[in-house]
Amino acid sequence: VAGLQQRYREGLAELGDDFSSCDVEERDARLRADPEFTAMVFTHVCEGTYGAPEYGGNRDQRGWEAIDFAGDVQPRGWTDAEVSEP
């Protein structure tokens, strides 16, 4: 975790304090300047948005709702129709 924290500090510093107020082209250029950092952030955002809520992200399953995913339905067991006696 300490390595990730340091990498985030460095990457955010490279983006600059004015990143959020830059135009889209400037933001894209800054993100392209450090593709490893951008890939790491993208991965973590996807994990937080679409991961299982019990791991700390996807609050109230909003990420899943946005993509019409029912979520983790296991273990659901067997319905009467799925069970038959030999």
PDB file of N, CA and C in Angstrom:
ATOM      1  N   VAL A   1       0.826  -1.193   0.000  1.00  0.00           N
ATOM      2  CA  VAL A   1       0.000   0.000   0.000  1.00  0.00           C
ATOM      3  C   VAL A   1       0.868   1.253   0.000  1.00  0.00           C
ATOM      4  N   ALA A   2       1.957   1.233   0.746  1.00  0.00           N
ATOM      5  CA  ALA A   2       2.820   2.419   0.791  1.00  0.00           C
ATOM      6  C   ALA A   2       3.353   2.741  -0.593  1.00  0.00           C
ATOM      7  N   GLY A   3       3.685   1.720  -1.391  1.00  0.00           N
ATOM      8  CA  GLY A   3       4.155   1.959  -2.747  1.00  0.00           C
ATOM      9  C   GLY A   3       3.083   2.601  -3.615  1.00  0.00           C
ATOM     10  N   LEU A   4       1.843   2.147  -3.462  1.00  0.00           N
ATOM     11  CA  LEU A   4       0.746   2.739  -4.216  1.00  0.00           C
ATOM     12  C   LEU A   4       0.483   4.176  -3.778  1.00  0.00           C
ATOM     13  N   GLN A   5       0.550   4.411  -2.482  1.00  0.00           N
ATOM     14  CA  GLN A   5       0.331   5.770  -1.993  1.00  0.00           C
ATOM     15  C   GLN A   5       1.369   6.727  -2.573  1.00  0.00           C
ATOM     16  N   GLN A   6       2.611   6.298  -2.594  1.00  0.00           N
ATOM     17  CA  GLN A   6       3.667   7.140  -3.149  1.00  0.00           C
ATOM     18  C   GLN A   6       3.464   7.350  -4.644  1.00  0.00           C
ATOM     19  N   ARG A   7       3.079   6.300  -5.343  1.00  0.00           N
ATOM     20  CA  ARG A   7       2.855   6.416  -6.789  1.00  0.00           C
ATOM     21  C   ARG A   7       1.714   7.376  -7.075  1.00  0.00           C
ATOM     22  N   TYR A   8       0.652   7.324  -6.269  1.00  0.00           N
ATOM     23  CA  TYR A   8      -0.460   8.268  -6.440  1.00  0.00           C
ATOM     24  C   TYR A   8      -0.009   9.697  -6.154  1.00  0.00           C
ATOM     25  N   ARG A   9       0.756   9.892  -5.099  1.00  0.00           N
ATOM     26  CA  ARG A   9       1.254  11.242  -4.787  1.00  0.00           C
ATOM     27  C   ARG A   9       2.042  11.810  -5.959  1.00  0.00           C
ATOM     28  N   GLU A  10       2.951  10.996  -6.484  1.00  0.00           N
ATOM     29  CA  GLU A  10       3.786  11.452  -7.600  1.00  0.00           C
ATOM     30  C   GLU A  10       2.950  11.717  -8.847  1.00  0.00           C
ATOM     31  N   GLY A  11       2.053  10.787  -9.172  1.00  0.00           N
ATOM     32  CA  GLY A  11       1.235  10.936 -10.370  1.00  0.00           C
ATOM     33  C   GLY A  11       0.317  12.141 -10.304  1.00  0.00           C
ATOM     34  N   LEU A  12      -0.300  12.354  -9.155  1.00  0.00           N
ATOM     35  CA  LEU A  12      -1.180  13.517  -9.002  1.00  0.00           C
ATOM     36  C   LEU A  12      -0.392  14.821  -9.058  1.00  0.00           C
ATOM     37  N   ALA A  13       0.804  14.819  -8.487  1.00  0.00           N
ATOM     38  CA  ALA A  13       1.649  16.018  -8.552  1.00  0.00           C
ATOM     39  C   ALA A  13       2.016  16.332 -10.001  1.00  0.00           C
ATOM     40  N   GLU A  14       2.293  15.296 -10.787  1.00  0.00           N
ATOM     41  CA  GLU A  14       2.630  15.504 -12.199  1.00  0.00           C
ATOM     42  C   GLU A  14       1.440  16.058 -12.987  1.00  0.00           C
ATOM     43  N   LEU A  15       0.226  15.686 -12.606  1.00  0.00           N
ATOM     44  CA  LEU A  15      -0.949  16.221 -13.296  1.00  0.00           C
ATOM     45  C   LEU A  15      -1.126  17.709 -13.025  1.00  0.00           C
ATOM     46  N   GLY A  16      -0.687  18.168 -11.865  1.00  0.00           N
ATOM     47  CA  GLY A  16      -0.749  19.585 -11.534  1.00  0.00           C
ATOM     48  C   GLY A  16      -1.989  19.969 -10.758  1.00  0.00           C
ATOM     49  N   ASP A  17      -1.858  21.023  -9.980  1.00  0.00           N
ATOM     50  CA  ASP A  17      -2.970  21.513  -9.155  1.00  0.00           C
ATOM     51  C   ASP A  17      -4.124  22.052  -9.997  1.00  0.00           C
ATOM     52  N   ASP A  18      -3.840  22.463 -11.217  1.00  0.00           N
ATOM     53  CA  ASP A  18      -4.868  23.054 -12.065  1.00  0.00           C
ATOM     54  C   ASP A  18      -5.516  22.046 -13.020  1.00  0.00           C
ATOM     55  N   PHE A  19      -5.260  20.763 -12.816  1.00  0.00           N
ATOM     56  CA  PHE A  19      -5.746  19.729 -13.737  1.00  0.00           C
ATOM     57  C   PHE A  19      -7.247  19.815 -13.973  1.00  0.00           C
ATOM     58  N   SER A  20      -8.032  19.961 -12.928  1.00  0.00           N
ATOM     59  CA  SER A  20      -9.491  19.955 -13.074  1.00  0.00           C
ATOM     60  C   SER A  20     -10.012  21.178 -13.815  1.00  0.00           C
ATOM     61  N   SER A  21      -9.235  22.246 -13.869  1.00  0.00           N
ATOM     62  CA  SER A  21      -9.696  23.445 -14.563  1.00  0.00           C
ATOM     63  C   SER A  21      -9.133  23.565 -15.984  1.00  0.00           C
ATOM     64  N   CYS A  22      -8.309  22.613 -16.395  1.00  0.00           N
ATOM     65  CA  CYS A  22      -7.747  22.634 -17.749  1.00  0.00           C
ATOM     66  C   CYS A  22      -8.802  22.212 -18.765  1.00  0.00           C
ATOM     67  N   ASP A  23      -8.565  22.595 -20.019  1.00  0.00           N
ATOM     68  CA  ASP A  23      -9.460  22.109 -21.067  1.00  0.00           C
ATOM     69  C   ASP A  23      -9.165  20.633 -21.341  1.00  0.00           C
ATOM     70  N   VAL A  24     -10.053  20.002 -22.070  1.00  0.00           N
ATOM     71  CA  VAL A  24      -9.981  18.560 -22.289  1.00  0.00           C
ATOM     72  C   VAL A  24      -8.673  18.162 -22.975  1.00  0.00           C
ATOM     73  N   GLU A  25      -8.246  18.919 -23.955  1.00  0.00           N
ATOM     74  CA  GLU A  25      -7.017  18.584 -24.673  1.00  0.00           C
ATOM     75  C   GLU A  25      -5.809  18.592 -23.743  1.00  0.00           C
ATOM     76  N   GLU A  26      -5.750  19.574 -22.861  1.00  0.00           N
ATOM     77  CA  GLU A  26      -4.628  19.662 -21.917  1.00  0.00           C
ATOM     78  C   GLU A  26      -4.669  18.505 -20.927  1.00  0.00           C
ATOM     79  N   ARG A  27      -5.859  18.173 -20.438  1.00  0.00           N
ATOM     80  CA  ARG A  27      -5.978  17.037 -19.519  1.00  0.00           C
ATOM     81  C   ARG A  27      -5.524  15.749 -20.188  1.00  0.00           C
ATOM     82  N   ASP A  28      -5.973  15.540 -21.424  1.00  0.00           N
ATOM     83  CA  ASP A  28      -5.569  14.337 -22.154  1.00  0.00           C
ATOM     84  C   ASP A  28      -4.058  14.287 -22.343  1.00  0.00           C
ATOM     85  N   ALA A  29      -3.458  15.412 -22.662  1.00  0.00           N
ATOM     86  CA  ALA A  29      -2.010  15.458 -22.857  1.00  0.00           C
ATOM     87  C   ALA A  29      -1.275  15.107 -21.568  1.00  0.00           C
ATOM     88  N   ARG A  30      -1.741  15.620 -20.468  1.00  0.00           N
ATOM     89  CA  ARG A  30      -1.095  15.315 -19.185  1.00  0.00           C
ATOM     90  C   ARG A  30      -1.261  13.839 -18.819  1.00  0.00           C
ATOM     91  N   LEU A  31      -2.431  13.285 -19.082  1.00  0.00           N
ATOM     92  CA  LEU A  31      -2.646  11.864 -18.791  1.00  0.00           C
ATOM     93  C   LEU A  31      -1.793  10.980 -19.700  1.00  0.00           C
ATOM     94  N   ARG A  32      -1.628  11.373 -20.956  1.00  0.00           N
ATOM     95  CA  ARG A  32      -0.791  10.602 -21.879  1.00  0.00           C
ATOM     96  C   ARG A  32       0.691  10.680 -21.514  1.00  0.00           C
ATOM     97  N   ALA A  33       1.082  11.694 -20.785  1.00  0.00           N
ATOM     98  CA  ALA A  33       2.493  11.859 -20.411  1.00  0.00           C
ATOM     99  C   ALA A  33       2.966  10.763 -19.467  1.00  0.00           C
ATOM    100  N   ASP A  34       2.052  10.138 -18.743  1.00  0.00           N
ATOM    101  CA  ASP A  34       2.412   9.062 -17.812  1.00  0.00           C
ATOM    102  C   ASP A  34       1.423   7.913 -17.974  1.00  0.00           C
ATOM    103  N   PRO A  35       1.585   7.104 -19.019  1.00  0.00           N
ATOM    104  CA  PRO A  35       0.606   6.050 -19.295  1.00  0.00           C
ATOM    105  C   PRO A  35       0.510   4.995 -18.198  1.00  0.00           C
ATOM    106  N   GLU A  36       1.589   4.738 -17.478  1.00  0.00           N
ATOM    107  CA  GLU A  36       1.522   3.744 -16.398  1.00  0.00           C
ATOM    108  C   GLU A  36       0.620   4.227 -15.267  1.00  0.00           C
ATOM    109  N   PHE A  37       0.755   5.484 -14.911  1.00  0.00           N
ATOM    110  CA  PHE A  37      -0.095   6.053 -13.860  1.00  0.00           C
ATOM    111  C   PHE A  37      -1.548   6.063 -14.312  1.00  0.00           C
ATOM    112  N   THR A  38      -1.791   6.476 -15.552  1.00  0.00           N
ATOM    113  CA  THR A  38      -3.149   6.529 -16.080  1.00  0.00           C
ATOM    114  C   THR A  38      -3.779   5.145 -16.085  1.00  0.00           C
ATOM    115  N   ALA A  39      -3.040   4.130 -16.476  1.00  0.00           N
ATOM    116  CA  ALA A  39      -3.558   2.756 -16.489  1.00  0.00           C
ATOM    117  C   ALA A  39      -3.872   2.281 -15.075  1.00  0.00           C
ATOM    118  N   MET A  40      -3.020   2.626 -14.119  1.00  0.00           N
ATOM    119  CA  MET A  40      -3.248   2.228 -12.738  1.00  0.00           C
ATOM    120  C   MET A  40      -4.525   2.878 -12.202  1.00  0.00           C
ATOM    121  N   VAL A  41      -4.686   4.171 -12.453  1.00  0.00           N
ATOM    122  CA  VAL A  41      -5.877   4.871 -11.976  1.00  0.00           C
ATOM    123  C   VAL A  41      -7.127   4.299 -12.639  1.00  0.00           C
ATOM    124  N   PHE A  42      -7.071   4.046 -13.939  1.00  0.00           N
ATOM    125  CA  PHE A  42      -8.207   3.480 -14.658  1.00  0.00           C
ATOM    126  C   PHE A  42      -8.612   2.140 -14.043  1.00  0.00           C
ATOM    127  N   THR A  43      -7.635   1.288 -13.783  1.00  0.00           N
ATOM    128  CA  THR A  43      -7.912  -0.016 -13.175  1.00  0.00           C
ATOM    129  C   THR A  43      -8.570   0.142 -11.817  1.00  0.00           C
ATOM    130  N   HIS A  44      -8.048   1.034 -10.995  1.00  0.00           N
ATOM    131  CA  HIS A  44      -8.604   1.216  -9.654  1.00  0.00           C
ATOM    132  C   HIS A  44     -10.004   1.824  -9.700  1.00  0.00           C
ATOM    133  N   VAL A  45     -10.254   2.716 -10.639  1.00  0.00           N
ATOM    134  CA  VAL A  45     -11.592   3.294 -10.778  1.00  0.00           C
ATOM    135  C   VAL A  45     -12.594   2.215 -11.193  1.00  0.00           C
ATOM    136  N   CYS A  46     -12.214   1.375 -12.146  1.00  0.00           N
ATOM    137  CA  CYS A  46     -13.100   0.283 -12.570  1.00  0.00           C
ATOM    138  C   CYS A  46     -13.368  -0.680 -11.422  1.00  0.00           C
ATOM    139  N   GLU A  47     -12.332  -1.026 -10.658  1.00  0.00           N
ATOM    140  CA  GLU A  47     -12.519  -1.918  -9.515  1.00  0.00           C
ATOM    141  C   GLU A  47     -13.460  -1.307  -8.493  1.00  0.00           C
ATOM    142  N   GLY A  48     -13.299  -0.015  -8.228  1.00  0.00           N
ATOM    143  CA  GLY A  48     -14.150   0.651  -7.243  1.00  0.00           C
ATOM    144  C   GLY A  48     -15.577   0.837  -7.717  1.00  0.00           C
ATOM    145  N   THR A  49     -15.751   1.023  -9.020  1.00  0.00           N
ATOM    146  CA  THR A  49     -17.083   1.265  -9.559  1.00  0.00           C
ATOM    147  C   THR A  49     -17.872  -0.021  -9.768  1.00  0.00           C
ATOM    148  N   TYR A  50     -17.201  -1.063 -10.244  1.00  0.00           N
ATOM    149  CA  TYR A  50     -17.915  -2.269 -10.638  1.00  0.00           C
ATOM    150  C   TYR A  50     -17.609  -3.494  -9.772  1.00  0.00           C
ATOM    151  N   GLY A  51     -16.740  -3.368  -8.796  1.00  0.00           N
ATOM    152  CA  GLY A  51     -16.415  -4.499  -7.934  1.00  0.00           C
ATOM    153  C   GLY A  51     -17.536  -4.806  -6.963  1.00  0.00           C
ATOM    154  N   ALA A  52     -17.406  -5.935  -6.307  1.00  0.00           N
ATOM    155  CA  ALA A  52     -18.412  -6.330  -5.315  1.00  0.00           C
ATOM    156  C   ALA A  52     -18.386  -5.355  -4.138  1.00  0.00           C
ATOM    157  N   PRO A  53     -19.551  -4.873  -3.701  1.00  0.00           N
ATOM    158  CA  PRO A  53     -19.620  -3.881  -2.631  1.00  0.00           C
ATOM    159  C   PRO A  53     -18.959  -4.303  -1.327  1.00  0.00           C
ATOM    160  N   GLU A  54     -18.917  -5.606  -1.047  1.00  0.00           N
ATOM    161  CA  GLU A  54     -18.317  -6.036   0.216  1.00  0.00           C
ATOM    162  C   GLU A  54     -16.827  -5.743   0.285  1.00  0.00           C
ATOM    163  N   TYR A  55     -16.221  -5.357  -0.835  1.00  0.00           N
ATOM    164  CA  TYR A  55     -14.801  -5.016  -0.836  1.00  0.00           C
ATOM    165  C   TYR A  55     -14.570  -3.513  -0.749  1.00  0.00           C
ATOM    166  N   GLY A  56     -15.622  -2.735  -0.568  1.00  0.00           N
ATOM    167  CA  GLY A  56     -15.471  -1.319  -0.282  1.00  0.00           C
ATOM    168  C   GLY A  56     -15.850  -0.361  -1.391  1.00  0.00           C
ATOM    169  N   GLY A  57     -16.163  -0.842  -2.569  1.00  0.00           N
ATOM    170  CA  GLY A  57     -16.561   0.052  -3.660  1.00  0.00           C
ATOM    171  C   GLY A  57     -18.002  -0.182  -4.045  1.00  0.00           C
ATOM    172  N   ASN A  58     -18.382   0.385  -5.188  1.00  0.00           N
ATOM    173  CA  ASN A  58     -19.707   0.133  -5.757  1.00  0.00           C
ATOM    174  C   ASN A  58     -20.811   0.340  -4.719  1.00  0.00           C
ATOM    175  N   ARG A  59     -20.757   1.473  -4.058  1.00  0.00           N
ATOM    176  CA  ARG A  59     -21.706   1.755  -2.976  1.00  0.00           C
ATOM    177  C   ARG A  59     -23.149   1.625  -3.451  1.00  0.00           C
ATOM    178  N   ASP A  60     -23.924   0.916  -2.682  1.00  0.00           N
ATOM    179  CA  ASP A  60     -25.344   0.663  -2.962  1.00  0.00           C
ATOM    180  C   ASP A  60     -25.549   0.043  -4.346  1.00  0.00           C
ATOM    181  N   GLN A  61     -24.523  -0.620  -4.843  1.00  0.00           N
ATOM    182  CA  GLN A  61     -24.549  -1.298  -6.140  1.00  0.00           C
ATOM    183  C   GLN A  61     -24.890  -0.362  -7.294  1.00  0.00           C
ATOM    184  N   ARG A  62     -24.524   0.909  -7.163  1.00  0.00           N
ATOM    185  CA  ARG A  62     -24.841   1.896  -8.198  1.00  0.00           C
ATOM    186  C   ARG A  62     -24.115   1.611  -9.502  1.00  0.00           C
ATOM    187  N   GLY A  63     -22.873   1.141  -9.418  1.00  0.00           N
ATOM    188  CA  GLY A  63     -22.141   0.789 -10.630  1.00  0.00           C
ATOM    189  C   GLY A  63     -22.836  -0.319 -11.388  1.00  0.00           C
ATOM    190  N   TRP A  64     -23.308  -1.310 -10.656  1.00  0.00           N
ATOM    191  CA  TRP A  64     -24.013  -2.426 -11.285  1.00  0.00           C
ATOM    192  C   TRP A  64     -25.340  -1.967 -11.880  1.00  0.00           C
ATOM    193  N   GLU A  65     -26.044  -1.101 -11.164  1.00  0.00           N
ATOM    194  CA  GLU A  65     -27.314  -0.592 -11.677  1.00  0.00           C
ATOM    195  C   GLU A  65     -27.100   0.177 -12.980  1.00  0.00           C
ATOM    196  N   ALA A  66     -26.010   0.915 -13.068  1.00  0.00           N
ATOM    197  CA  ALA A  66     -25.731   1.714 -14.270  1.00  0.00           C
ATOM    198  C   ALA A  66     -25.556   0.854 -15.511  1.00  0.00           C
ATOM    199  N   ILE A  67     -25.124  -0.379 -15.337  1.00  0.00           N
ATOM    200  CA  ILE A  67     -24.929  -1.270 -16.489  1.00  0.00           C
ATOM    201  C   ILE A  67     -25.949  -2.409 -16.497  1.00  0.00           C
ATOM    202  N   ASP A  68     -27.014  -2.244 -15.713  1.00  0.00           N
ATOM    203  CA  ASP A  68     -28.087  -3.253 -15.640  1.00  0.00           C
ATOM    204  C   ASP A  68     -27.576  -4.640 -15.285  1.00  0.00           C
ATOM    205  N   PHE A  69     -26.671  -4.698 -14.328  1.00  0.00           N
ATOM    206  CA  PHE A  69     -26.155  -5.978 -13.838  1.00  0.00           C
ATOM    207  C   PHE A  69     -26.842  -6.285 -12.522  1.00  0.00           C
ATOM    208  N   ALA A  70     -27.404  -7.463 -12.424  1.00  0.00           N
ATOM    209  CA  ALA A  70     -28.162  -7.830 -11.218  1.00  0.00           C
ATOM    210  C   ALA A  70     -27.283  -7.979  -9.990  1.00  0.00           C
ATOM    211  N   GLY A  71     -26.004  -8.137 -10.204  1.00  0.00           N
ATOM    212  CA  GLY A  71     -25.097  -8.288  -9.072  1.00  0.00           C
ATOM    213  C   GLY A  71     -24.842  -9.732  -8.748  1.00  0.00           C
ATOM    214  N   ASP A  72     -24.210  -9.929  -7.649  1.00  0.00           N
ATOM    215  CA  ASP A  72     -23.858 -11.266  -7.199  1.00  0.00           C
ATOM    216  C   ASP A  72     -25.111 -11.952  -6.666  1.00  0.00           C
ATOM    217  N   VAL A  73     -25.583 -12.963  -7.377  1.00  0.00           N
ATOM    218  CA  VAL A  73     -26.797 -13.662  -6.959  1.00  0.00           C
ATOM    219  C   VAL A  73     -26.485 -15.036  -6.375  1.00  0.00           C
ATOM    220  N   GLN A  74     -25.236 -15.332  -6.167  1.00  0.00           N
ATOM    221  CA  GLN A  74     -24.838 -16.632  -5.616  1.00  0.00           C
ATOM    222  C   GLN A  74     -24.651 -16.513  -4.114  1.00  0.00           C
ATOM    223  N   PRO A  75     -24.873 -17.516  -3.341  1.00  0.00           N
ATOM    224  CA  PRO A  75     -25.478 -18.769  -3.764  1.00  0.00           C
ATOM    225  C   PRO A  75     -26.990 -18.643  -3.759  1.00  0.00           C
ATOM    226  N   ARG A  76     -27.579 -18.932  -4.842  1.00  0.00           N
ATOM    227  CA  ARG A  76     -29.036 -18.823  -4.944  1.00  0.00           C
ATOM    228  C   ARG A  76     -29.732 -20.140  -4.673  1.00  0.00           C
ATOM    229  N   GLY A  77     -28.989 -21.228  -4.702  1.00  0.00           N
ATOM    230  CA  GLY A  77     -29.609 -22.530  -4.468  1.00  0.00           C
ATOM    231  C   GLY A  77     -30.277 -23.046  -5.725  1.00  0.00           C
ATOM    232  N   TRP A  78     -31.141 -24.009  -5.564  1.00  0.00           N
ATOM    233  CA  TRP A  78     -31.821 -24.651  -6.688  1.00  0.00           C
ATOM    234  C   TRP A  78     -33.318 -24.425  -6.579  1.00  0.00           C
ATOM    235  N   THR A  79     -33.955 -24.162  -7.693  1.00  0.00           N
ATOM    236  CA  THR A  79     -35.420 -24.051  -7.692  1.00  0.00           C
ATOM    237  C   THR A  79     -36.012 -25.449  -7.770  1.00  0.00           C
ATOM    238  N   ASP A  80     -37.301 -25.555  -7.462  1.00  0.00           N
ATOM    239  CA  ASP A  80     -37.984 -26.848  -7.557  1.00  0.00           C
ATOM    240  C   ASP A  80     -37.884 -27.409  -8.976  1.00  0.00           C
ATOM    241  N   ALA A  81     -37.969 -26.547  -9.977  1.00  0.00           N
ATOM    242  CA  ALA A  81     -37.917 -26.982 -11.373  1.00  0.00           C
ATOM    243  C   ALA A  81     -36.547 -27.528 -11.741  1.00  0.00           C
ATOM    244  N   GLU A  82     -35.507 -27.072 -11.055  1.00  0.00           N
ATOM    245  CA  GLU A  82     -34.153 -27.530 -11.365  1.00  0.00           C
ATOM    246  C   GLU A  82     -33.778 -28.821 -10.659  1.00  0.00           C
ATOM    247  N   VAL A  83     -34.580 -29.213  -9.693  1.00  0.00           N
ATOM    248  CA  VAL A  83     -34.277 -30.415  -8.915  1.00  0.00           C
ATOM    249  C   VAL A  83     -35.230 -31.531  -9.337  1.00  0.00           C
ATOM    250  N   SER A  84     -34.685 -32.684  -9.586  1.00  0.00           N
ATOM    251  CA  SER A  84     -35.533 -33.839  -9.876  1.00  0.00           C
ATOM    252  C   SER A  84     -34.974 -35.057  -9.157  1.00  0.00           C
ATOM    253  N   GLU A  85     -35.849 -35.963  -8.824  1.00  0.00           N
ATOM    254  CA  GLU A  85     -35.402 -37.178  -8.161  1.00  0.00           C
ATOM    255  C   GLU A  85     -34.948 -38.186  -9.204  1.00  0.00           C
ATOM    256  N   PRO A  86     -33.897 -38.973  -8.920  1.00  0.00           N
ATOM    257  CA  PRO A  86     -33.429 -39.961  -9.902  1.00  0.00           C
ATOM    258  C   PRO A  86     -34.397 -41.081 -10.131  1.00  0.00           C
TER     259      PRO A  86
END
